């Protein structure tokens, strides 16, 4: 299912969300400008568990910078599409500054969750998925009954369908569980860092849940 737009227009211009999307795109353009530079950027700024835990003080920036690196066109297009659709409303309800802190916080938590569980791995962790997982979790807690216009594939047929947010994101989370179990059962592993997603989901849930009523009361006042 590919989301096209939500039926929940933000009340103010999503400045921070737009800047985050632009920053991700600019970094990706730098990555693909040359293969050598791509490899260098990934090695220097991705979150590599073995390197990070060998010297976390010297590599303190990696849990932040890994968020702006991506592994290909589908990776960044998918992430930025989700961020574009869901991020604006979370910025609207949190405010510009708190939304930026929230985005970075859930992204860092997602990366560290994956890194802690694979602390000896030399494989780089990249992508905004941890932060976007936190944004999706915030959205389902704050706007569960809003609808998402979604492309649904039924064999050879493609249909635009309006789906309630709680159904869409619940299906997405279930897909993450299935992907995780599949990668665990598959001896060859997976290129998708599913624990990053779950770290972002957990951090986003804890942050929003404890202040959900206050946020909604202020938003609808």
C-alpha atoms as a PDB file:
ATOM      1  CA  UNK A   1       0.000   0.000   0.000  1.00  0.00           C
ATOM      2  CA  UNK A   2       1.403   3.346  -1.053  1.00  0.00           C
ATOM      3  CA  UNK A   3       0.133   6.420   0.815  1.00  0.00           C
ATOM      4  CA  UNK A   4      -0.688   9.424  -1.358  1.00  0.00           C
ATOM      5  CA  UNK A   5      -1.912  11.998   1.155  1.00  0.00           C
ATOM      6  CA  UNK A   6      -3.692  12.307   4.464  1.00  0.00           C
ATOM      7  CA  UNK A   7      -7.033  14.031   4.874  1.00  0.00           C
ATOM      8  CA  UNK A   8      -5.678  16.124   7.726  1.00  0.00           C
ATOM      9  CA  UNK A   9      -4.105  19.346   6.410  1.00  0.00           C
ATOM     10  CA  UNK A  10      -1.745  21.022   8.910  1.00  0.00           C
ATOM     11  CA  UNK A  11      -2.828  24.374  10.317  1.00  0.00           C
ATOM     12  CA  UNK A  12       0.558  25.987   9.719  1.00  0.00           C
ATOM     13  CA  UNK A  13       3.358  25.562   7.204  1.00  0.00           C
ATOM     14  CA  UNK A  14       5.526  22.566   8.229  1.00  0.00           C
ATOM     15  CA  UNK A  15       8.808  24.481   8.120  1.00  0.00           C
ATOM     16  CA  UNK A  16      10.990  22.005  10.019  1.00  0.00           C
ATOM     17  CA  UNK A  17       9.550  19.003   8.200  1.00  0.00           C
ATOM     18  CA  UNK A  18      10.271  20.686   4.862  1.00  0.00           C
ATOM     19  CA  UNK A  19      13.847  21.497   5.936  1.00  0.00           C
ATOM     20  CA  UNK A  20      14.397  17.877   7.014  1.00  0.00           C
ATOM     21  CA  UNK A  21      13.203  16.598   3.640  1.00  0.00           C
ATOM     22  CA  UNK A  22      15.416  19.066   1.778  1.00  0.00           C
ATOM     23  CA  UNK A  23      18.425  18.157   3.953  1.00  0.00           C
ATOM     24  CA  UNK A  24      17.924  14.445   3.260  1.00  0.00           C
ATOM     25  CA  UNK A  25      17.664  15.061  -0.476  1.00  0.00           C
ATOM     26  CA  UNK A  26      20.781  17.257  -0.528  1.00  0.00           C
ATOM     27  CA  UNK A  27      22.822  14.634   1.329  1.00  0.00           C
ATOM     28  CA  UNK A  28      21.576  11.932  -1.038  1.00  0.00           C
ATOM     29  CA  UNK A  29      22.624  14.035  -4.038  1.00  0.00           C
ATOM     30  CA  UNK A  30      26.083  14.325  -2.471  1.00  0.00           C
ATOM     31  CA  UNK A  31      26.120  10.550  -2.005  1.00  0.00           C
ATOM     32  CA  UNK A  32      25.340   9.769  -5.627  1.00  0.00           C
ATOM     33  CA  UNK A  33      27.532  12.518  -7.098  1.00  0.00           C
ATOM     34  CA  UNK A  34      30.373   9.997  -7.102  1.00  0.00           C
ATOM     35  CA  UNK A  35      30.675   6.405  -5.962  1.00  0.00           C
ATOM     36  CA  UNK A  36      33.872   7.118  -4.033  1.00  0.00           C
ATOM     37  CA  UNK A  37      32.245   9.984  -2.162  1.00  0.00           C
ATOM     38  CA  UNK A  38      29.203   7.810  -1.414  1.00  0.00           C
ATOM     39  CA  UNK A  39      31.371   5.141   0.193  1.00  0.00           C
ATOM     40  CA  UNK A  40      33.355   7.761   2.092  1.00  0.00           C
ATOM     41  CA  UNK A  41      30.230   9.506   3.415  1.00  0.00           C
ATOM     42  CA  UNK A  42      28.692   6.225   4.526  1.00  0.00           C
ATOM     43  CA  UNK A  43      31.865   5.080   6.291  1.00  0.00           C
ATOM     44  CA  UNK A  44      32.429   8.429   8.030  1.00  0.00           C
ATOM     45  CA  UNK A  45      28.862   9.325   9.008  1.00  0.00           C
ATOM     46  CA  UNK A  46      26.827   6.108   9.245  1.00  0.00           C
ATOM     47  CA  UNK A  47      26.205   4.356  12.545  1.00  0.00           C
ATOM     48  CA  UNK A  48      28.562   1.380  12.497  1.00  0.00           C
ATOM     49  CA  UNK A  49      28.022  -0.536  15.766  1.00  0.00           C
ATOM     50  CA  UNK A  50      31.562  -1.918  16.073  1.00  0.00           C
ATOM     51  CA  UNK A  51      33.181   1.484  15.494  1.00  0.00           C
ATOM     52  CA  UNK A  52      30.699   3.369  17.657  1.00  0.00           C
ATOM     53  CA  UNK A  53      30.995   1.125  20.708  1.00  0.00           C
ATOM     54  CA  UNK A  54      34.772   0.914  20.432  1.00  0.00           C
ATOM     55  CA  UNK A  55      34.959   4.675  21.016  1.00  0.00           C
ATOM     56  CA  UNK A  56      31.524   6.267  21.570  1.00  0.00           C
ATOM     57  CA  UNK A  57      32.965   9.621  22.660  1.00  0.00           C
ATOM     58  CA  UNK A  58      34.871  10.143  19.408  1.00  0.00           C
ATOM     59  CA  UNK A  59      31.926   8.839  17.384  1.00  0.00           C
ATOM     60  CA  UNK A  60      29.170  10.684  19.273  1.00  0.00           C
ATOM     61  CA  UNK A  61      27.817  12.258  16.064  1.00  0.00           C
ATOM     62  CA  UNK A  62      27.063   8.972  14.270  1.00  0.00           C
ATOM     63  CA  UNK A  63      23.644   8.319  15.918  1.00  0.00           C
ATOM     64  CA  UNK A  64      22.572  11.665  14.423  1.00  0.00           C
ATOM     65  CA  UNK A  65      24.291  11.772  11.050  1.00  0.00           C
ATOM     66  CA  UNK A  66      23.215   8.257  10.020  1.00  0.00           C
ATOM     67  CA  UNK A  67      19.655   9.631   9.774  1.00  0.00           C
ATOM     68  CA  UNK A  68      20.504  11.663   6.672  1.00  0.00           C
ATOM     69  CA  UNK A  69      22.139   8.885   4.634  1.00  0.00           C
ATOM     70  CA  UNK A  70      20.199   6.516   2.373  1.00  0.00           C
ATOM     71  CA  UNK A  71      20.949   3.343   0.467  1.00  0.00           C
ATOM     72  CA  UNK A  72      19.308   4.096  -2.864  1.00  0.00           C
ATOM     73  CA  UNK A  73      16.488   5.811  -4.714  1.00  0.00           C
ATOM     74  CA  UNK A  74      13.690   3.616  -3.358  1.00  0.00           C
ATOM     75  CA  UNK A  75      15.034   4.006   0.175  1.00  0.00           C
ATOM     76  CA  UNK A  76      14.993   7.791   0.178  1.00  0.00           C
ATOM     77  CA  UNK A  77      11.809   8.175  -1.895  1.00  0.00           C
ATOM     78  CA  UNK A  78       9.891   5.884   0.445  1.00  0.00           C
ATOM     79  CA  UNK A  79      11.185   7.575   3.577  1.00  0.00           C
ATOM     80  CA  UNK A  80      10.591  11.097   2.313  1.00  0.00           C
ATOM     81  CA  UNK A  81       7.090  10.224   1.099  1.00  0.00           C
ATOM     82  CA  UNK A  82       6.133   9.015   4.580  1.00  0.00           C
ATOM     83  CA  UNK A  83       7.784  12.026   6.194  1.00  0.00           C
ATOM     84  CA  UNK A  84       5.998  14.416   3.831  1.00  0.00           C
ATOM     85  CA  UNK A  85       2.573  12.879   4.494  1.00  0.00           C
ATOM     86  CA  UNK A  86       2.775  12.306   8.246  1.00  0.00           C
ATOM     87  CA  UNK A  87       5.383  14.723   9.563  1.00  0.00           C
ATOM     88  CA  UNK A  88       3.562  18.011   9.009  1.00  0.00           C
ATOM     89  CA  UNK A  89       0.736  17.238  11.429  1.00  0.00           C
ATOM     90  CA  UNK A  90       3.132  16.144  14.161  1.00  0.00           C
ATOM     91  CA  UNK A  91       5.076  19.386  13.722  1.00  0.00           C
ATOM     92  CA  UNK A  92       1.749  21.220  13.875  1.00  0.00           C
ATOM     93  CA  UNK A  93       0.800  19.742  17.240  1.00  0.00           C
ATOM     94  CA  UNK A  94       4.270  19.802  18.823  1.00  0.00           C
ATOM     95  CA  UNK A  95       5.525  23.103  17.429  1.00  0.00           C
ATOM     96  CA  UNK A  96       8.581  23.653  15.258  1.00  0.00           C
ATOM     97  CA  UNK A  97      11.325  23.349  17.874  1.00  0.00           C
ATOM     98  CA  UNK A  98       9.856  20.420  19.787  1.00  0.00           C
ATOM     99  CA  UNK A  99       9.158  18.579  16.559  1.00  0.00           C
ATOM    100  CA  UNK A 100      12.807  18.849  15.526  1.00  0.00           C
ATOM    101  CA  UNK A 101      13.908  17.538  18.925  1.00  0.00           C
ATOM    102  CA  UNK A 102      11.321  14.754  18.727  1.00  0.00           C
ATOM    103  CA  UNK A 103      12.434  13.712  15.238  1.00  0.00           C
ATOM    104  CA  UNK A 104      16.105  13.583  16.210  1.00  0.00           C
ATOM    105  CA  UNK A 105      15.383  11.887  19.540  1.00  0.00           C
ATOM    106  CA  UNK A 106      13.350   9.010  18.104  1.00  0.00           C
ATOM    107  CA  UNK A 107      15.862   8.651  15.275  1.00  0.00           C
ATOM    108  CA  UNK A 108      18.770   8.406  17.717  1.00  0.00           C
ATOM    109  CA  UNK A 109      16.868   5.918  19.872  1.00  0.00           C
ATOM    110  CA  UNK A 110      16.106   3.769  16.839  1.00  0.00           C
ATOM    111  CA  UNK A 111      19.733   3.722  15.737  1.00  0.00           C
ATOM    112  CA  UNK A 112      21.093   2.981  19.199  1.00  0.00           C
ATOM    113  CA  UNK A 113      18.531   0.201  19.701  1.00  0.00           C
ATOM    114  CA  UNK A 114      19.739  -1.541  16.548  1.00  0.00           C
ATOM    115  CA  UNK A 115      23.398  -0.871  17.351  1.00  0.00           C
ATOM    116  CA  UNK A 116      23.084  -2.198  20.911  1.00  0.00           C
ATOM    117  CA  UNK A 117      21.603  -5.469  19.635  1.00  0.00           C
ATOM    118  CA  UNK A 118      24.325  -5.850  16.988  1.00  0.00           C
ATOM    119  CA  UNK A 119      27.221  -4.263  18.847  1.00  0.00           C
ATOM    120  CA  UNK A 120      29.954  -6.227  17.037  1.00  0.00           C
ATOM    121  CA  UNK A 121      28.579  -5.695  13.550  1.00  0.00           C
ATOM    122  CA  UNK A 122      30.718  -3.841  10.977  1.00  0.00           C
ATOM    123  CA  UNK A 123      27.647  -3.167   8.802  1.00  0.00           C
ATOM    124  CA  UNK A 124      26.667   0.517   8.537  1.00  0.00           C
ATOM    125  CA  UNK A 125      23.206   1.588   9.698  1.00  0.00           C
ATOM    126  CA  UNK A 126      21.740   4.348   7.514  1.00  0.00           C
ATOM    127  CA  UNK A 127      18.398   5.975   6.825  1.00  0.00           C
ATOM    128  CA  UNK A 128      15.689   8.096   8.412  1.00  0.00           C
ATOM    129  CA  UNK A 129      13.460   5.082   9.116  1.00  0.00           C
ATOM    130  CA  UNK A 130      13.888   5.213  12.897  1.00  0.00           C
ATOM    131  CA  UNK A 131      12.759   8.836  13.044  1.00  0.00           C
ATOM    132  CA  UNK A 132       9.896   8.226  10.630  1.00  0.00           C
ATOM    133  CA  UNK A 133       8.767   5.209  12.665  1.00  0.00           C
ATOM    134  CA  UNK A 134       8.496   7.520  15.662  1.00  0.00           C
ATOM    135  CA  UNK A 135       6.534  10.035  13.595  1.00  0.00           C
ATOM    136  CA  UNK A 136       4.091   7.322  12.466  1.00  0.00           C
ATOM    137  CA  UNK A 137       3.631   6.192  16.060  1.00  0.00           C
ATOM    138  CA  UNK A 138       2.907   9.757  17.116  1.00  0.00           C
ATOM    139  CA  UNK A 139       0.381  10.070  14.297  1.00  0.00           C
ATOM    140  CA  UNK A 140      -1.581   6.949  15.245  1.00  0.00           C
ATOM    141  CA  UNK A 141      -1.742   8.116  18.871  1.00  0.00           C
ATOM    142  CA  UNK A 142      -2.835  11.661  18.044  1.00  0.00           C
ATOM    143  CA  UNK A 143      -4.942  11.280  14.881  1.00  0.00           C
ATOM    144  CA  UNK A 144      -6.103   7.626  14.782  1.00  0.00           C
ATOM    145  CA  UNK A 145      -9.371   8.254  12.931  1.00  0.00           C
ATOM    146  CA  UNK A 146      -8.130  10.538  10.176  1.00  0.00           C
ATOM    147  CA  UNK A 147      -7.989   8.919   6.772  1.00  0.00           C
ATOM    148  CA  UNK A 148      -5.148   8.218   4.368  1.00  0.00           C
ATOM    149  CA  UNK A 149      -5.677   8.115   0.612  1.00  0.00           C
ATOM    150  CA  UNK A 150      -3.777   4.975  -0.335  1.00  0.00           C
ATOM    151  CA  UNK A 151      -3.012   3.037  -3.491  1.00  0.00           C
ATOM    152  CA  UNK A 152      -3.959  -0.591  -2.905  1.00  0.00           C
ATOM    153  CA  UNK A 153      -2.686  -3.285  -5.280  1.00  0.00           C
ATOM    154  CA  UNK A 154      -5.155  -6.095  -5.963  1.00  0.00           C
ATOM    155  CA  UNK A 155      -3.417  -8.323  -8.459  1.00  0.00           C
ATOM    156  CA  UNK A 156      -3.368  -6.384 -11.732  1.00  0.00           C
ATOM    157  CA  UNK A 157      -5.734  -3.746 -10.356  1.00  0.00           C
ATOM    158  CA  UNK A 158      -4.660  -0.613  -8.516  1.00  0.00           C
ATOM    159  CA  UNK A 159      -7.308   1.177  -6.477  1.00  0.00           C
ATOM    160  CA  UNK A 160      -7.173   4.434  -4.498  1.00  0.00           C
ATOM    161  CA  UNK A 161      -8.765   3.713  -1.108  1.00  0.00           C
ATOM    162  CA  UNK A 162      -9.334   5.935   1.937  1.00  0.00           C
ATOM    163  CA  UNK A 163      -8.118   4.032   4.983  1.00  0.00           C
ATOM    164  CA  UNK A 164      -8.334   5.127   8.639  1.00  0.00           C
ATOM    165  CA  UNK A 165      -4.917   5.930  10.050  1.00  0.00           C
ATOM    166  CA  UNK A 166      -5.125   3.335  12.816  1.00  0.00           C
ATOM    167  CA  UNK A 167      -5.699   0.589  10.236  1.00  0.00           C
ATOM    168  CA  UNK A 168      -2.980   1.780   7.865  1.00  0.00           C
ATOM    169  CA  UNK A 169      -0.271   2.214  10.491  1.00  0.00           C
ATOM    170  CA  UNK A 170      -1.271  -0.989  12.316  1.00  0.00           C
ATOM    171  CA  UNK A 171      -0.787  -2.872   9.038  1.00  0.00           C
ATOM    172  CA  UNK A 172       2.564  -1.106   8.590  1.00  0.00           C
ATOM    173  CA  UNK A 173       3.718  -2.107  12.093  1.00  0.00           C
ATOM    174  CA  UNK A 174       2.566  -5.701  11.490  1.00  0.00           C
ATOM    175  CA  UNK A 175       4.640  -5.655   8.313  1.00  0.00           C
ATOM    176  CA  UNK A 176       7.688  -4.687  10.349  1.00  0.00           C
ATOM    177  CA  UNK A 177       7.147  -7.656  12.665  1.00  0.00           C
ATOM    178  CA  UNK A 178       6.790 -10.003   9.706  1.00  0.00           C
ATOM    179  CA  UNK A 179       9.925  -8.564   8.128  1.00  0.00           C
ATOM    180  CA  UNK A 180      11.845  -8.991  11.383  1.00  0.00           C
ATOM    181  CA  UNK A 181      10.770 -12.606  11.821  1.00  0.00           C
ATOM    182  CA  UNK A 182      11.574 -13.335   8.199  1.00  0.00           C
ATOM    183  CA  UNK A 183      15.058 -11.855   8.540  1.00  0.00           C
ATOM    184  CA  UNK A 184      15.700 -13.851  11.716  1.00  0.00           C
ATOM    185  CA  UNK A 185      14.610 -17.097  10.057  1.00  0.00           C
ATOM    186  CA  UNK A 186      16.555 -16.321   6.881  1.00  0.00           C
ATOM    187  CA  UNK A 187      20.171 -17.285   7.420  1.00  0.00           C
ATOM    188  CA  UNK A 188      21.337 -14.756   4.842  1.00  0.00           C
ATOM    189  CA  UNK A 189      19.799 -11.952   6.914  1.00  0.00           C
ATOM    190  CA  UNK A 190      18.241  -8.742   5.619  1.00  0.00           C
ATOM    191  CA  UNK A 191      19.463  -5.328   4.498  1.00  0.00           C
ATOM    192  CA  UNK A 192      16.597  -3.739   6.440  1.00  0.00           C
ATOM    193  CA  UNK A 193      17.492  -2.758  10.016  1.00  0.00           C
ATOM    194  CA  UNK A 194      14.135  -3.633  11.568  1.00  0.00           C
ATOM    195  CA  UNK A 195      15.287  -2.963  15.115  1.00  0.00           C
ATOM    196  CA  UNK A 196      15.832   0.669  14.084  1.00  0.00           C
ATOM    197  CA  UNK A 197      12.118   0.834  13.285  1.00  0.00           C
ATOM    198  CA  UNK A 198      11.126  -0.714  16.600  1.00  0.00           C
ATOM    199  CA  UNK A 199      13.452   1.567  18.533  1.00  0.00           C
ATOM    200  CA  UNK A 200      11.772   4.560  16.890  1.00  0.00           C
ATOM    201  CA  UNK A 201       8.305   3.111  17.529  1.00  0.00           C
ATOM    202  CA  UNK A 202       9.022   2.553  21.236  1.00  0.00           C
ATOM    203  CA  UNK A 203      10.588   5.995  21.729  1.00  0.00           C
ATOM    204  CA  UNK A 204       7.771   7.727  19.846  1.00  0.00           C
ATOM    205  CA  UNK A 205       5.114   5.873  21.831  1.00  0.00           C
ATOM    206  CA  UNK A 206       6.658   6.682  25.211  1.00  0.00           C
ATOM    207  CA  UNK A 207       7.196  10.354  24.372  1.00  0.00           C
ATOM    208  CA  UNK A 208       3.714  11.002  22.987  1.00  0.00           C
ATOM    209  CA  UNK A 209       1.639   8.727  25.207  1.00  0.00           C
ATOM    210  CA  UNK A 210       2.554  10.452  28.476  1.00  0.00           C
ATOM    211  CA  UNK A 211       1.488  13.867  27.161  1.00  0.00           C
ATOM    212  CA  UNK A 212      -1.160  12.881  24.624  1.00  0.00           C
ATOM    213  CA  UNK A 213      -4.127  14.422  26.449  1.00  0.00           C
ATOM    214  CA  UNK A 214      -2.349  17.708  27.059  1.00  0.00           C
ATOM    215  CA  UNK A 215      -1.221  17.955  23.441  1.00  0.00           C
ATOM    216  CA  UNK A 216      -4.721  17.258  22.101  1.00  0.00           C
ATOM    217  CA  UNK A 217      -6.376  19.614  24.561  1.00  0.00           C
ATOM    218  CA  UNK A 218      -4.075  22.439  23.524  1.00  0.00           C
ATOM    219  CA  UNK A 219      -4.385  21.581  19.825  1.00  0.00           C
ATOM    220  CA  UNK A 220      -8.190  21.647  19.806  1.00  0.00           C
ATOM    221  CA  UNK A 221      -8.592  24.531  22.257  1.00  0.00           C
END
